[in-house]
């Protein structure tokens, strides 16, 4: 009888010990949540069919953004981060996209396989836009409640091209807004042709500088998060505050790249290039905007 009691006591202590360790581990996790459209992928026209980085989903073509595979791989392979995806697209479409895009580490795993949470249109919280919004857009009506990823949102960051997807003012602080998404152009020459073809379209990059930043945004995002996370180790500040300060300093929300933004870009790109030295295909240096791929 005494032996059974000792076994039972050991089991209860083990369970209690595990329950103590789990919250401590969870508190250290940073949840990185990616939007899809205009953030990791962009719809492209038929002339892009068959090109590198272009996937086919039904009748639609999408180009996977520069640095997308590298940034997701880097976060997934770092135990301090946990990767999820939250898109307003339909689940079937989203799953098709996530299943086709693979990590860059040679594991062969898809974004779908490594995701902690995969949230879709049916997970969106729909709200009635206020009367002050005359022409509501999807971001005004469809909200992404980050509590569906982690009930404690203090260490959750949503990378999204539309800050209006924030559920409320508190969760707005959790959005790393990448600025307005723009059409993809493979080269500065293509951009020039696009400006002639669509002279008044707001989604055509207004300059070569804006185009080059569009192609390199995810490396800048990685630099912002990595530097913020390293500072988090030294003090108890809110992660969202550290993120938002760097976002403002970088200029990314306005689709410009400040001197501080360039520092953060080089921080992020240097780390991501360890996964793929050919990752950067377009320069951010003001002296050169040609494709780098053939030279690397």
Protein backbone atom coordinates (compact mmCIF):
# COMPACT_ATOMS: atom_id res chain seq x y z
CA UNK A 1 0.00 0.00 0.00
CA UNK A 2 2.81 2.38 0.86
CA UNK A 3 4.41 1.74 -2.52
CA UNK A 4 1.18 2.66 -4.32
CA UNK A 5 0.91 5.87 -2.33
CA UNK A 6 4.47 6.82 -3.22
CA UNK A 7 3.77 6.18 -6.92
CA UNK A 8 0.59 8.26 -6.77
CA UNK A 9 2.38 11.10 -4.95
CA UNK A 10 5.19 11.08 -7.52
CA UNK A 11 2.66 11.22 -10.35
CA UNK A 12 0.81 14.18 -8.82
CA UNK A 13 4.04 16.07 -8.22
CA UNK A 14 5.10 15.42 -11.80
CA UNK A 15 1.82 16.77 -13.15
CA UNK A 16 2.05 19.82 -10.90
CA UNK A 17 5.64 20.41 -11.95
CA UNK A 18 4.66 20.27 -15.63
CA UNK A 19 1.82 22.71 -15.05
CA UNK A 20 4.29 25.14 -13.51
CA UNK A 21 6.73 24.87 -16.42
CA UNK A 22 4.25 25.26 -19.26
CA UNK A 23 3.12 28.84 -18.53
CA UNK A 24 6.75 29.88 -18.07
CA UNK A 25 7.59 28.47 -21.49
CA UNK A 26 4.51 30.02 -23.13
CA UNK A 27 5.33 33.43 -21.69
CA UNK A 28 8.58 33.46 -23.66
CA UNK A 29 6.94 32.62 -26.99
CA UNK A 30 6.41 35.41 -29.51
CA UNK A 31 3.55 34.65 -31.87
CA UNK A 32 4.23 35.91 -35.39
CA UNK A 33 1.06 36.03 -37.50
CA UNK A 34 1.26 36.63 -41.24
CA UNK A 35 -1.44 38.02 -43.48
CA UNK A 36 -1.30 36.56 -47.00
CA UNK A 37 -2.51 38.90 -49.75
CA UNK A 38 -0.21 41.89 -50.35
CA UNK A 39 1.96 40.68 -47.46
CA UNK A 40 3.39 37.28 -48.45
CA UNK A 41 1.80 36.93 -51.89
CA UNK A 42 0.36 39.17 -54.59
CA UNK A 43 -1.94 38.34 -57.48
CA UNK A 44 -0.20 38.77 -60.85
CA UNK A 45 -1.31 38.75 -64.46
CA UNK A 46 -1.14 35.91 -66.97
CA UNK A 47 2.20 36.97 -68.41
CA UNK A 48 3.85 35.86 -65.13
CA UNK A 49 2.74 32.23 -65.57
CA UNK A 50 5.70 29.87 -65.31
CA UNK A 51 8.04 32.42 -63.79
CA UNK A 52 10.06 31.67 -60.67
CA UNK A 53 8.14 32.24 -57.46
CA UNK A 54 4.72 32.19 -59.13
CA UNK A 55 2.14 29.65 -57.94
CA UNK A 56 -1.15 28.65 -59.53
CA UNK A 57 -4.29 28.52 -57.41
CA UNK A 58 -7.34 27.63 -59.47
CA UNK A 59 -7.55 30.21 -62.24
CA UNK A 60 -5.39 32.72 -60.40
CA UNK A 61 -1.66 33.36 -60.34
CA UNK A 62 0.17 34.58 -57.24
CA UNK A 63 3.77 35.61 -56.86
CA UNK A 64 5.40 34.76 -53.56
CA UNK A 65 7.07 37.92 -52.28
CA UNK A 66 10.82 38.35 -52.08
CA UNK A 67 12.10 37.20 -48.68
CA UNK A 68 8.80 35.42 -47.83
CA UNK A 69 10.23 31.91 -47.65
CA UNK A 70 13.30 33.15 -45.79
CA UNK A 71 11.43 35.09 -43.12
CA UNK A 72 8.94 32.32 -42.38
CA UNK A 73 11.76 29.76 -42.24
CA UNK A 74 13.81 31.95 -39.90
CA UNK A 75 10.94 32.46 -37.48
CA UNK A 76 9.90 28.80 -37.57
CA UNK A 77 13.42 27.55 -36.87
CA UNK A 78 13.90 29.91 -33.92
CA UNK A 79 12.31 28.44 -30.74
CA UNK A 80 11.43 31.87 -29.40
CA UNK A 81 8.88 32.36 -32.21
CA UNK A 82 5.69 30.58 -33.28
CA UNK A 83 4.28 31.12 -36.79
CA UNK A 84 0.60 31.43 -37.74
CA UNK A 85 -1.33 32.71 -40.74
CA UNK A 86 -4.51 34.82 -40.72
CA UNK A 87 -6.04 35.74 -44.08
CA UNK A 88 -9.45 37.03 -45.06
CA UNK A 89 -9.39 34.75 -48.08
CA UNK A 90 -11.52 31.58 -48.22
CA UNK A 91 -10.07 28.57 -46.43
CA UNK A 92 -9.74 26.41 -49.56
CA UNK A 93 -7.78 29.11 -51.38
CA UNK A 94 -5.59 29.87 -48.39
CA UNK A 95 -4.77 26.20 -47.77
CA UNK A 96 -3.84 25.79 -51.43
CA UNK A 97 -1.42 28.71 -51.14
CA UNK A 98 0.10 27.57 -47.84
CA UNK A 99 0.55 24.02 -49.10
CA UNK A 100 2.45 25.13 -52.21
CA UNK A 101 4.97 27.46 -50.56
CA UNK A 102 7.88 25.63 -48.93
CA UNK A 103 10.48 26.53 -46.33
CA UNK A 104 13.96 27.38 -47.58
CA UNK A 105 15.83 25.09 -45.16
CA UNK A 106 15.70 21.93 -47.27
CA UNK A 107 13.16 20.23 -45.02
CA UNK A 108 10.56 20.22 -47.77
CA UNK A 109 7.93 21.36 -45.29
CA UNK A 110 5.21 23.73 -46.47
CA UNK A 111 3.92 26.80 -44.70
CA UNK A 112 0.78 24.81 -43.98
CA UNK A 113 2.70 22.04 -42.22
CA UNK A 114 4.61 24.31 -39.85
CA UNK A 115 1.77 26.69 -38.92
CA UNK A 116 0.64 26.89 -35.31
CA UNK A 117 -2.71 28.39 -36.35
CA UNK A 118 -4.29 28.80 -39.80
CA UNK A 119 -7.17 31.26 -39.74
CA UNK A 120 -9.38 32.11 -42.70
CA UNK A 121 -12.40 34.12 -43.77
CA UNK A 122 -14.74 32.20 -41.48
CA UNK A 123 -12.52 33.21 -38.53
CA UNK A 124 -12.92 36.91 -39.32
CA UNK A 125 -14.94 39.05 -36.92
CA UNK A 126 -17.37 41.13 -38.96
CA UNK A 127 -18.37 44.52 -37.58
CA UNK A 128 -20.60 47.32 -38.78
CA UNK A 129 -18.45 50.29 -39.87
CA UNK A 130 -19.14 53.55 -38.06
CA UNK A 131 -21.17 56.30 -39.74
CA UNK A 132 -18.00 58.36 -40.22
CA UNK A 133 -16.79 55.85 -42.84
CA UNK A 134 -18.54 56.83 -46.07
CA UNK A 135 -17.19 54.09 -48.35
CA UNK A 136 -16.28 51.09 -46.20
CA UNK A 137 -13.57 48.76 -47.50
CA UNK A 138 -12.97 45.16 -46.37
CA UNK A 139 -10.54 46.31 -43.68
CA UNK A 140 -13.25 48.50 -42.16
CA UNK A 141 -15.65 45.59 -41.86
CA UNK A 142 -13.48 42.47 -41.44
CA UNK A 143 -11.43 42.31 -38.25
CA UNK A 144 -8.75 39.84 -37.16
CA UNK A 145 -9.12 39.06 -33.49
CA UNK A 146 -5.61 38.05 -32.41
CA UNK A 147 -6.97 36.35 -29.29
CA UNK A 148 -7.78 33.47 -31.65
CA UNK A 149 -4.02 32.93 -31.89
CA UNK A 150 -3.20 33.60 -28.24
CA UNK A 151 -5.63 34.76 -25.58
CA UNK A 152 -2.77 36.81 -24.12
CA UNK A 153 -1.94 39.21 -26.96
CA UNK A 154 1.00 41.00 -25.32
CA UNK A 155 3.48 38.91 -27.35
CA UNK A 156 1.50 38.60 -30.59
CA UNK A 157 2.53 40.50 -33.73
CA UNK A 158 0.39 40.53 -36.89
CA UNK A 159 2.29 41.44 -40.08
CA UNK A 160 -0.32 42.96 -42.38
CA UNK A 161 -0.64 45.47 -45.21
CA UNK A 162 -3.86 46.93 -43.73
CA UNK A 163 -3.94 48.26 -40.16
CA UNK A 164 -7.74 48.50 -40.34
CA UNK A 165 -7.94 44.76 -39.75
CA UNK A 166 -7.24 45.49 -36.07
CA UNK A 167 -10.17 44.47 -33.89
CA UNK A 168 -9.84 47.56 -31.70
CA UNK A 169 -7.40 50.26 -30.64
CA UNK A 170 -5.60 47.89 -28.30
CA UNK A 171 -4.97 45.28 -30.98
CA UNK A 172 -3.92 47.99 -33.42
CA UNK A 173 -0.71 48.12 -31.39
CA UNK A 174 -0.08 44.48 -32.30
CA UNK A 175 -0.07 45.14 -36.05
CA UNK A 176 3.23 45.67 -37.80
CA UNK A 177 1.78 47.60 -40.69
CA UNK A 178 3.86 47.17 -43.84
CA UNK A 179 2.24 50.10 -45.64
CA UNK A 180 -0.07 49.91 -48.63
CA UNK A 181 0.55 46.93 -50.89
CA UNK A 182 1.56 47.69 -54.48
CA UNK A 183 1.57 45.81 -57.77
CA UNK A 184 4.51 43.53 -58.46
CA UNK A 185 6.95 44.40 -61.22
CA UNK A 186 9.91 42.18 -61.96
CA UNK A 187 12.25 44.98 -62.99
CA UNK A 188 12.50 48.76 -63.03
CA UNK A 189 11.93 48.56 -66.79
CA UNK A 190 8.65 46.73 -66.20
CA UNK A 191 7.73 49.40 -63.68
CA UNK A 192 8.26 52.15 -66.27
CA UNK A 193 5.99 50.29 -68.68
CA UNK A 194 3.40 49.83 -65.94
CA UNK A 195 3.34 53.54 -65.17
CA UNK A 196 2.60 54.26 -68.83
CA UNK A 197 -0.06 51.54 -69.03
CA UNK A 198 -1.78 52.54 -65.76
CA UNK A 199 -0.86 56.21 -65.24
CA UNK A 200 -3.43 56.94 -62.53
CA UNK A 201 -3.53 53.63 -60.69
CA UNK A 202 -2.74 54.08 -57.00
CA UNK A 203 -1.29 50.57 -56.74
CA UNK A 204 1.50 51.22 -59.23
CA UNK A 205 4.68 52.21 -57.37
CA UNK A 206 5.20 55.94 -57.78
CA UNK A 207 8.99 55.67 -58.03
CA UNK A 208 11.83 53.21 -58.37
CA UNK A 209 12.58 53.77 -54.68
CA UNK A 210 9.05 52.80 -53.68
CA UNK A 211 9.21 49.75 -55.97
CA UNK A 212 12.52 48.60 -54.51
CA UNK A 213 11.19 48.94 -50.95
CA UNK A 214 8.11 46.95 -51.92
CA UNK A 215 10.38 44.13 -53.04
CA UNK A 216 12.41 44.24 -49.81
CA UNK A 217 9.79 44.93 -47.15
CA UNK A 218 9.91 41.52 -45.52
CA UNK A 219 13.64 41.77 -44.84
CA UNK A 220 12.99 45.12 -43.17
CA UNK A 221 10.17 43.55 -41.16
CA UNK A 222 12.54 40.85 -39.97
CA UNK A 223 15.07 43.45 -38.86
CA UNK A 224 12.38 45.36 -36.95
CA UNK A 225 11.18 42.27 -35.08
CA UNK A 226 14.62 40.81 -34.37
CA UNK A 227 15.98 44.06 -32.92
CA UNK A 228 12.80 44.58 -30.88
CA UNK A 229 12.93 41.03 -29.53
CA UNK A 230 16.58 41.43 -28.52
CA UNK A 231 15.71 44.60 -26.60
CA UNK A 232 12.86 42.74 -24.93
CA UNK A 233 15.49 40.50 -23.34
CA UNK A 234 16.99 43.49 -21.56
CA UNK A 235 13.86 45.09 -20.13
CA UNK A 236 10.21 44.33 -19.51
CA UNK A 237 8.77 46.74 -22.08
CA UNK A 238 5.76 45.79 -24.16
CA UNK A 239 6.86 44.13 -27.37
CA UNK A 240 4.25 46.09 -29.31
CA UNK A 241 5.73 49.39 -28.12
CA UNK A 242 9.21 48.37 -29.24
CA UNK A 243 7.84 47.26 -32.62
CA UNK A 244 5.78 50.39 -33.24
CA UNK A 245 8.68 52.71 -32.45
CA UNK A 246 10.87 51.01 -35.04
CA UNK A 247 8.06 50.89 -37.60
CA UNK A 248 7.63 54.65 -37.25
CA UNK A 249 11.36 55.28 -37.46
CA UNK A 250 11.79 53.04 -40.52
CA UNK A 251 9.18 54.82 -42.67
CA UNK A 252 7.66 51.54 -43.92
CA UNK A 253 4.08 52.63 -43.20
CA UNK A 254 4.51 55.49 -45.69
CA UNK A 255 6.28 53.28 -48.24
CA UNK A 256 9.52 55.15 -47.78
CA UNK A 257 12.86 53.99 -46.36
CA UNK A 258 14.56 56.27 -43.86
CA UNK A 259 18.18 56.04 -42.80
CA UNK A 260 17.01 54.13 -39.72
CA UNK A 261 14.92 51.88 -41.94
CA UNK A 262 17.99 51.12 -44.03
CA UNK A 263 19.85 50.03 -40.88
CA UNK A 264 17.01 47.71 -39.93
CA UNK A 265 16.81 46.36 -43.47
CA UNK A 266 20.51 45.47 -43.48
CA UNK A 267 20.12 43.83 -40.07
CA UNK A 268 17.25 41.70 -41.32
CA UNK A 269 18.67 40.92 -44.75
CA UNK A 270 22.09 39.92 -43.40
CA UNK A 271 20.45 37.34 -41.13
CA UNK A 272 18.06 36.03 -43.79
CA UNK A 273 20.87 35.70 -46.33
CA UNK A 274 22.38 33.03 -44.09
CA UNK A 275 19.45 30.90 -45.23
CA UNK A 276 19.72 31.93 -48.87
CA UNK A 277 22.51 34.14 -50.13
CA UNK A 278 20.57 34.76 -53.36
CA UNK A 279 17.48 35.99 -51.52
CA UNK A 280 17.89 39.67 -52.38
CA UNK A 281 16.93 40.27 -55.99
CA UNK A 282 16.51 44.05 -55.92
CA UNK A 283 18.83 46.58 -54.28
CA UNK A 284 17.67 49.25 -51.84
CA UNK A 285 20.81 51.32 -52.41
CA UNK A 286 19.81 54.56 -54.17
CA UNK A 287 22.68 54.15 -56.64
CA UNK A 288 21.52 50.84 -58.08
CA UNK A 289 18.09 49.33 -58.61
CA UNK A 290 18.78 46.63 -61.17
CA UNK A 291 18.03 43.00 -60.44
CA UNK A 292 20.78 41.38 -58.41
CA UNK A 293 19.88 37.75 -59.06
CA UNK A 294 22.13 37.16 -62.09
CA UNK A 295 25.10 38.67 -60.23
CA UNK A 296 24.84 36.65 -57.01
